[in-house]
Amino acid sequence: MKQFTFLLFFSLYVVCSYGQTGFKRNDIYFEAAGNGLFTSLNYERQLTKQPGLGLRLGVGVYSENAFYLTIPVGINYLFKLNNEKSFIDAGLGATWTRIDGNLFGDSKNLNGDHFVNFVPSIGYRRHTNNNLIWRISLTPIANKYGLVPWFGFSIGKRF
């Protein structure tokens, strides 16, 4: 049991130490407009050891005539600019929406209460010295109702 406890604490120490010194690959951020349609809270993970390919997943809301739950997912790539903390952020996402925030709903009433939006994006991203992130992007939305020009603004924390 002592060996297991030692191994567990040593593993946590190594993981935490690595996370403090290397490139921070995780982001959690709030996004206004953007992939979540009105607002969303997102988690993003860089898949490479340096800025590059990343995946994101979020949960958000949209409200026009009714309340919609939104689940944005996507893939993006960070292109480094001259400054090591500035990037062009290009991506492709999909946002699943469901009316009334009910994930499963009544199986008898599935007509028109959910739909998928496709959201390509291009924007500017900045990482700060305090491990903060902010981003502004153009995120047009394409769905069964047509194409809508859209934008997004994000702010969050890197870890």
Protein backbone atom coordinates (compact mmCIF):
# COMPACT_ATOMS: atom_id res chain seq x y z
CA MET A 1 0.00 0.00 0.00
CA LYS A 2 2.87 2.40 0.77
CA GLN A 3 4.38 1.73 -2.65
CA PHE A 4 1.05 2.45 -4.35
CA THR A 5 0.64 5.71 -2.41
CA PHE A 6 4.21 6.75 -3.24
CA LEU A 7 3.72 5.91 -6.92
CA LEU A 8 0.45 7.86 -7.03
CA PHE A 9 1.95 11.00 -5.45
CA PHE A 10 5.10 10.75 -7.57
CA SER A 11 2.98 10.47 -10.74
CA LEU A 12 0.92 13.52 -9.74
CA TYR A 13 4.13 15.45 -9.01
CA VAL A 14 5.59 14.60 -12.44
CA VAL A 15 2.36 15.53 -14.25
CA CYS A 16 1.99 18.81 -12.34
CA SER A 17 5.67 19.70 -12.77
CA TYR A 18 5.52 19.12 -16.51
CA GLY A 19 2.40 21.23 -16.78
CA GLN A 20 4.12 24.16 -15.06
CA THR A 21 7.18 24.33 -17.30
CA GLY A 22 6.02 23.34 -20.82
CA PHE A 23 3.61 24.68 -23.37
CA LYS A 24 0.13 24.77 -21.88
CA ARG A 25 -2.06 22.58 -24.08
CA ASN A 26 -5.47 23.09 -22.42
CA ASP A 27 -7.80 26.09 -22.63
CA ILE A 28 -11.12 26.74 -20.98
CA TYR A 29 -12.93 29.83 -22.18
CA PHE A 30 -16.21 31.69 -22.43
CA GLU A 31 -17.32 32.58 -25.95
CA ALA A 32 -19.88 35.22 -26.89
CA ALA A 33 -21.54 34.43 -30.23
CA GLY A 34 -19.16 32.16 -32.19
CA ASN A 35 -19.67 28.39 -32.43
CA GLY A 36 -22.05 28.27 -29.46
CA LEU A 37 -24.41 30.65 -31.33
CA PHE A 38 -25.13 33.11 -28.46
CA THR A 39 -22.89 32.02 -25.57
CA SER A 40 -20.89 28.93 -24.68
CA LEU A 41 -18.33 27.55 -22.26
CA ASN A 42 -15.65 25.57 -24.07
CA TYR A 43 -12.71 23.27 -23.40
CA GLU A 44 -9.94 23.07 -25.99
CA ARG A 45 -6.97 20.69 -26.13
CA GLN A 46 -3.92 21.17 -28.34
CA LEU A 47 -2.92 17.76 -29.72
CA THR A 48 0.66 18.75 -30.44
CA LYS A 49 3.47 19.83 -28.10
CA GLN A 50 3.58 23.25 -29.76
CA PRO A 51 0.67 25.38 -31.02
CA GLY A 52 -0.92 23.56 -33.93
CA LEU A 53 -3.80 21.12 -34.21
CA GLY A 54 -6.49 21.27 -31.51
CA LEU A 55 -9.94 19.92 -30.61
CA ARG A 56 -12.73 21.73 -28.78
CA LEU A 57 -15.97 20.81 -27.05
CA GLY A 58 -18.48 23.10 -25.37
CA VAL A 59 -21.96 23.67 -24.08
CA GLY A 60 -23.96 26.80 -24.71
CA VAL A 61 -27.33 28.44 -25.21
CA TYR A 62 -29.20 30.12 -28.01
CA SER A 63 -32.52 31.94 -27.65
CA GLU A 64 -34.68 33.61 -30.25
CA ASN A 65 -38.29 32.48 -29.98
CA ALA A 66 -37.41 29.55 -27.72
CA PHE A 67 -34.53 28.37 -25.54
CA TYR A 68 -32.01 26.08 -27.31
CA LEU A 69 -29.21 24.02 -25.80
CA THR A 70 -26.12 24.09 -28.05
CA ILE A 71 -23.20 21.69 -28.11
CA PRO A 72 -20.33 23.04 -30.24
CA VAL A 73 -17.53 20.69 -31.31
CA GLY A 74 -14.68 21.46 -33.65
CA ILE A 75 -11.14 21.14 -34.83
CA ASN A 76 -8.75 24.05 -35.32
CA TYR A 77 -5.19 24.84 -36.27
CA LEU A 78 -3.06 27.65 -34.83
CA PHE A 79 -0.70 29.37 -37.28
CA LYS A 80 2.03 31.23 -35.36
CA LEU A 81 2.57 34.87 -36.30
CA ASN A 82 5.82 36.83 -35.79
CA ASN A 83 5.08 37.24 -32.09
CA GLU A 84 5.30 33.87 -30.27
CA LYS A 85 1.99 34.53 -28.47
CA SER A 86 -0.09 35.62 -31.48
CA PHE A 87 -1.83 33.21 -33.85
CA ILE A 88 -4.20 32.94 -36.77
CA ASP A 89 -6.85 30.47 -35.59
CA ALA A 90 -8.54 28.56 -38.45
CA GLY A 91 -11.09 25.85 -37.82
CA LEU A 92 -14.17 23.92 -38.74
CA GLY A 93 -16.94 23.12 -36.29
CA ALA A 94 -20.42 21.76 -35.92
CA THR A 95 -22.96 22.89 -33.35
CA TRP A 96 -25.84 20.65 -32.41
CA THR A 97 -28.89 22.51 -31.11
CA ARG A 98 -32.00 21.25 -29.34
CA ILE A 99 -35.08 23.22 -28.31
CA ASP A 100 -35.95 23.63 -24.61
CA GLY A 101 -32.57 22.26 -23.52
CA ASN A 102 -33.90 18.71 -23.40
CA LEU A 103 -31.12 16.35 -24.53
CA PHE A 104 -33.27 13.28 -25.13
CA GLY A 105 -36.82 14.60 -25.42
CA ASP A 106 -39.98 12.79 -26.34
CA SER A 107 -39.28 10.31 -29.14
CA LYS A 108 -42.76 11.00 -30.58
CA ASN A 109 -41.92 14.67 -31.19
CA LEU A 110 -38.59 14.83 -33.02
CA ASN A 111 -39.74 16.95 -35.97
CA GLY A 112 -37.92 20.28 -36.09
CA ASP A 113 -36.86 20.47 -32.43
CA HIS A 114 -33.17 19.95 -33.17
CA PHE A 115 -30.74 20.74 -35.97
CA VAL A 116 -27.02 20.97 -36.77
CA ASN A 117 -25.08 24.09 -37.72
CA PHE A 118 -21.77 23.95 -39.60
CA VAL A 119 -19.39 26.69 -38.50
CA PRO A 120 -16.10 27.40 -40.29
CA SER A 121 -13.97 30.01 -38.52
CA ILE A 122 -10.97 32.25 -39.04
CA GLY A 123 -9.69 34.64 -36.41
CA TYR A 124 -6.92 36.17 -34.35
CA ARG A 125 -5.85 34.59 -31.04
CA ARG A 126 -3.54 35.98 -28.38
CA HIS A 127 -1.98 34.21 -25.38
CA THR A 128 -0.88 36.51 -22.56
CA ASN A 129 1.94 36.19 -20.03
CA ASN A 130 -0.64 35.39 -17.31
CA ASN A 131 -1.87 32.27 -19.19
CA LEU A 132 -4.96 34.09 -20.37
CA ILE A 133 -6.36 33.69 -23.88
CA TRP A 134 -8.51 35.99 -25.96
CA ARG A 135 -9.73 35.57 -29.50
CA ILE A 136 -11.90 37.34 -32.05
CA SER A 137 -13.11 35.47 -35.11
CA LEU A 138 -15.39 35.39 -38.11
CA THR A 139 -17.69 32.35 -37.77
CA PRO A 140 -20.37 32.17 -40.49
CA ILE A 141 -23.15 29.71 -39.66
CA ALA A 142 -24.57 27.33 -42.27
CA ASN A 143 -27.67 25.26 -41.47
CA LYS A 144 -30.98 24.19 -42.99
CA TYR A 145 -32.16 27.82 -42.85
CA GLY A 146 -29.25 29.18 -44.94
CA LEU A 147 -25.95 30.98 -44.35
CA VAL A 148 -25.65 33.70 -41.71
CA PRO A 149 -22.54 35.88 -41.31
CA TRP A 150 -21.49 35.66 -37.66
CA PHE A 151 -18.59 36.52 -35.36
CA GLY A 152 -17.28 35.43 -31.99
CA PHE A 153 -15.28 36.75 -29.06
CA SER A 154 -13.59 34.46 -26.53
CA ILE A 155 -11.76 34.98 -23.26
CA GLY A 156 -10.41 32.31 -20.95
CA LYS A 157 -7.54 30.59 -19.15
CA ARG A 158 -4.74 28.28 -20.29
CA PHE A 159 -3.53 25.41 -18.12
